[in-house]
Amino acid sequence: MENVKIGFVGTHGTGKTTSVYEMATALKKVAGLPNVGILVETARGCPYPINRETGVLSQEWLTINQTLSEHNMARSSPILVCDRTVLDAMAYTLYAGLDELYHALLPYARHHAKSYRMLFL
């Protein structure tokens, strides 16, 4: 089976995590797909300030770490449901006013976004 990656995009408190677990459970039970991986929000492990205090290092770390985590988990989970995506990092980068970094990362984010079979906003 081809790897399938599903991503949830949105700000804090919008129900992403709940939806991720509900979808993974449904895929396992209803669709009978036993090996469904869940990638929880990777931002909690960021060694740099995030959210309102974010900066270039934070947003670079978040973008790279999200991508690497997805690649690593996809090796063992043919179906991966992600609580956050690279698109979240891009949105926060733009919101933080890091325009130069945003424009530098945008081509990569567009390319990586194609790897999601489905995106839920």
Protein backbone atom coordinates (compact mmCIF):
# COMPACT_ATOMS: atom_id res chain seq x y z
CA MET A 1 0.00 0.00 0.00
CA GLU A 2 1.21 3.49 -0.86
CA ASN A 3 1.88 5.71 2.15
CA VAL A 4 -0.97 8.06 2.93
CA LYS A 5 -0.46 11.20 4.97
CA ILE A 6 -3.35 13.23 6.36
CA GLY A 7 -2.73 16.63 7.92
CA PHE A 8 -4.70 18.87 10.25
CA VAL A 9 -3.95 22.60 10.07
CA GLY A 10 -5.12 25.26 12.50
CA THR A 11 -4.45 27.42 15.48
CA HIS A 12 -4.52 26.34 19.13
CA GLY A 13 -7.83 25.12 20.52
CA THR A 14 -9.58 24.35 17.24
CA GLY A 15 -9.98 20.61 17.83
CA LYS A 16 -7.08 19.33 15.74
CA THR A 17 -5.81 16.82 18.29
CA THR A 18 -9.28 15.47 19.01
CA SER A 19 -9.94 15.13 15.29
CA VAL A 20 -6.60 13.40 14.71
CA TYR A 21 -7.35 10.73 17.31
CA GLU A 22 -10.93 10.30 16.08
CA MET A 23 -9.77 9.87 12.49
CA ALA A 24 -7.03 7.40 13.40
CA THR A 25 -9.50 5.38 15.47
CA ALA A 26 -12.03 5.36 12.64
CA LEU A 27 -9.40 4.29 10.11
CA LYS A 28 -8.38 1.43 12.39
CA LYS A 29 -11.88 0.28 13.35
CA VAL A 30 -14.16 1.19 10.47
CA ALA A 31 -11.76 0.84 7.56
CA GLY A 32 -9.89 -2.07 9.15
CA LEU A 33 -6.49 -0.47 8.67
CA PRO A 34 -4.33 -1.74 11.55
CA ASN A 35 -1.19 0.35 11.15
CA VAL A 36 -2.27 3.98 11.47
CA GLY A 37 0.34 6.33 12.93
CA ILE A 38 -0.35 9.54 14.79
CA LEU A 39 2.13 12.39 14.76
CA VAL A 40 1.34 14.69 17.66
CA GLU A 41 2.31 18.33 17.63
CA THR A 42 6.11 18.54 17.37
CA ALA A 43 6.32 22.19 18.48
CA ARG A 44 6.40 21.20 22.15
CA GLY A 45 9.95 19.94 21.64
CA CYS A 46 11.23 23.17 20.11
CA PRO A 47 14.28 24.43 22.01
CA TYR A 48 13.57 28.02 20.92
CA PRO A 49 10.73 30.38 21.90
CA ILE A 50 7.50 29.78 20.00
CA ASN A 51 4.08 31.39 19.60
CA ARG A 52 4.21 35.14 20.29
CA GLU A 53 7.95 35.03 21.05
CA THR A 54 8.86 33.07 17.92
CA GLY A 55 11.78 34.03 15.74
CA VAL A 56 13.75 32.82 12.75
CA LEU A 57 15.45 29.94 14.59
CA SER A 58 12.14 28.76 16.00
CA GLN A 59 10.36 28.76 12.66
CA GLU A 60 13.27 27.09 10.86
CA TRP A 61 13.36 24.40 13.57
CA LEU A 62 9.59 23.87 13.41
CA THR A 63 9.58 23.53 9.62
CA ILE A 64 12.52 21.13 9.50
CA ASN A 65 11.45 19.08 12.52
CA GLN A 66 7.88 18.68 11.26
CA THR A 67 9.18 17.38 7.94
CA LEU A 68 11.68 14.99 9.52
CA SER A 69 9.12 13.67 12.00
CA GLU A 70 6.67 12.98 9.18
CA HIS A 71 9.33 11.17 7.13
CA ASN A 72 10.46 9.08 10.11
CA MET A 73 6.96 8.06 11.15
CA ALA A 74 5.87 7.32 7.58
CA ARG A 75 8.55 4.62 7.39
CA SER A 76 6.67 2.51 9.95
CA SER A 77 3.12 3.75 9.39
CA PRO A 78 1.67 3.42 5.90
CA ILE A 79 -1.11 5.73 7.05
CA LEU A 80 -0.05 8.76 9.07
CA VAL A 81 -2.40 11.32 10.62
CA CYS A 82 -0.58 14.56 11.56
CA ASP A 83 -1.59 17.02 14.25
CA ARG A 84 -0.05 20.06 12.48
CA THR A 85 1.75 20.34 9.16
CA VAL A 86 4.47 22.37 7.50
CA LEU A 87 1.69 24.77 6.51
CA ASP A 88 1.18 25.63 10.19
CA ALA A 89 4.83 26.65 10.45
CA MET A 90 4.42 28.83 7.37
CA ALA A 91 1.32 30.52 8.79
CA TYR A 92 3.08 31.30 12.06
CA THR A 93 6.15 32.54 10.19
CA LEU A 94 4.02 34.99 8.22
CA TYR A 95 2.00 36.02 11.28
CA ALA A 96 5.24 36.74 13.17
CA GLY A 97 6.29 39.17 10.43
CA LEU A 98 9.25 37.06 9.35
CA ASP A 99 8.62 37.90 5.71
CA GLU A 100 12.10 37.11 4.40
CA LEU A 101 12.06 33.65 5.99
CA TYR A 102 8.49 33.07 4.81
CA HIS A 103 9.41 33.80 1.19
CA ALA A 104 12.55 31.66 1.46
CA LEU A 105 10.58 28.66 2.80
CA LEU A 106 7.49 29.06 0.64
CA PRO A 107 8.69 27.01 -2.38
CA TYR A 108 9.65 24.16 -0.07
CA ALA A 109 6.35 24.31 1.83
CA ARG A 110 4.40 24.24 -1.43
CA HIS A 111 6.36 21.21 -2.55
CA HIS A 112 5.97 19.41 0.79
CA ALA A 113 2.23 20.19 0.95
CA LYS A 114 1.76 17.91 -2.06
CA SER A 115 2.76 14.96 0.14
CA TYR A 116 -0.51 15.17 2.12
CA ARG A 117 -3.31 13.07 0.66
CA MET A 118 -5.82 15.18 2.60
CA LEU A 119 -5.64 18.42 4.56
CA PHE A 120 -8.23 19.51 7.09
CA LEU A 121 -8.28 23.21 7.96
